[in-house]
Structures are given as C-alpha cells and as structure tokens.
Amino acid sequence: MALETYKADTLTLELREEEGAVYVVWTGRSTGRDPGPFIVPVLQKAIEMVRENSKPLILDFQNIAFMNSSTLTPIIRLLERARRSVSTIRILYKRELKWQELNFSALEVFQTPDQRIEIRGV
C-alpha cells in the first residue's frame, strides 16, 4: 500500500494503492482559480498506477469540505478520456451534503452502462 500526499494551499490529495484499487482521497478545500496544474499530475500518476496494475481508480470526495467549479474541469477531462478507454473509475461523494450532491450528480452523464465509470453518492 503505497502512500503519497500532495498539498496545495488548503487542498490535500492522498494517493494510495490498496489490494483492490488505486485511491485518490480529497480533503480540505479547493478554492483556486486554476487548480489543474496541481490536480492533473496527481491524476496522471494515479492513471499510470491503474494501468500498471489493472486496478480501478477511485476518486473519493467524501471528506472534502468545499470545491469550486474550477476543480471539476480536470475531473471532467479525466472522465472524458476514461470513456474512450478501458479504465474503471468510481467517484465517491457524500450524498447528504447538498453542494456535493449538486456537483457530482451533474457528472452522472459520464456513467457507462457497464459501470466502468460510476458516480456514487454514499
């Protein structure tokens, strides 16, 4: 179980590999106007780990306190690319938080019938 932590201002991304999946756990607050230069390299590293080990990627947003709409852009790009590949991606969010429900339910358009891409409120 490899563990790497990346931090920019008040946003922390924890990248870890477990037996069944590669996780990117999001905590803190993402308020930057252009968080892509911080987020994209972490997501790229996660995708490399997924490809090397044939595991699903789980983006876990359950403990993030806030994220602005600029944070969604790199996530949407990742989902667009995943749609054209064989990667399995799950996005987990906390359904009881209205702001998370609004942000992540909008991403349900990326879900695939075979559940290769899944947006799940827990």
Foldseek 3Di string as FASTA:
>chain_A
DDWDWDDDDFWIWIWDDDPAAIETEIAGEADDPACCVVPVVVVVVRVVVCVVVVHAYEYEDAHYPYYDPNVCVVVLVVLVVCLVDQHAYEYEYACVDVVRVVVQVVVQVSADPVNSYYYDHD
